[in-house]
Amino acid sequence: MGRTWLSALLGVALLLGVGTTGLPAAGKPTVGLAISTLNNPFFVDLRDGAQAAAAKLGMTLIVLDAQNDAARQASSIEDLIAKKVGLVIINPTDSDAIVATVKKLNAAKIPVITVDRSANGGRVAAHIASDNVAGGQMAAAYVGRRLNGKGSVVMLEGIAGSSAARDRGMGFREGLAKFPGIRIIASQTADFDRAKGLSVMENILQAQKKIDAVFAQNDEMALGAVQAIEAAKRQRQMFVVGFDAVADALKAIKDGRMAATVAQQPKVMGRLAVEAAAKVLKGGTAAKFTPVPLKLITK
């Protein structure tokens, strides 16, 4: 009987995506980490950084995977409210859609920290992220220099409504404004997804006969674009720049299949978010915004 009950409990934990380490432990503060998707190496690294910090600080961390579904993310965080966790760290799937959930957490007097992507409303105790506008500008400066100020560029956009997509796109456009001889001939969303990056790029390649460079707002889309370009045998006509510096992108750069990526530090983000949570839970205050440095990676 005891074994059956334990198996059922572990099954529930796995369904929730928290694992056995996510179950509340006596005497430990419990923190929720609501991630947009774990089907992306960047967010797996962010989770790993958070889990390592939580273990070091003696905190129980419940990890929830929204699978890029804003409604699923909202529902899972409502479960955390019912469990009366001490604090919730959110990596929003949609920066607008998450506002109602943040306000519910505010009403329940559960502090909120956002990481990598921001919430467009509600009270947030701290935000940890790279400067995505600066990252977009960094990518644009590289494209502008490499094209000697002239050419046609394609941009693959992330999830509509996410702060990362908005800010990276804004920074890239602002950066390209310094190169009047360069124009963006196509800009389409591929939802930060490799398969969608491949599909969208295939369509753009059919429509556009001259493309000099591609900027993808994350490496997953960039790697999908590379697949499409290589399949069309047009890799000598253009180069691809990504964002995040995930392992597959770094290998593609080393192999000469991608030109560059803007490096973030997701493990550092996860660690800093948990460290900020520890401060808040002890009654202290964390910095309203903690920037995580960026750098451009090329071969």
Foldseek 3Di string as FASTA:
>chain_A
DVVVVVVVVQVVLVVQVFGPLQDDDPPAAEEEEEEQAPVDLLVVLLVVLQVVLCVVVRHRYGYGGQNLPQVSSLVSVVVVLVVVGQAYEYAHSAQASCQVSLQVCVVSVRAYEYEQWHHPHHDHQAYEHAQLLVQLLVVLVVVCVVVVLAFEEEEEFADPRTRNRVNSVNSVVVNNVVRVRYDYPYYYYQHLAQCSLLVVLLVVVVVDVAHAEYEYSAVSSQNSNLVNCVVVVNQVRYAYEHEAPDPVVVVCQVVVSHFKYKHFNSSVRSNVRNVQVVQVSVVHGDDRYDHTDIDMDHD
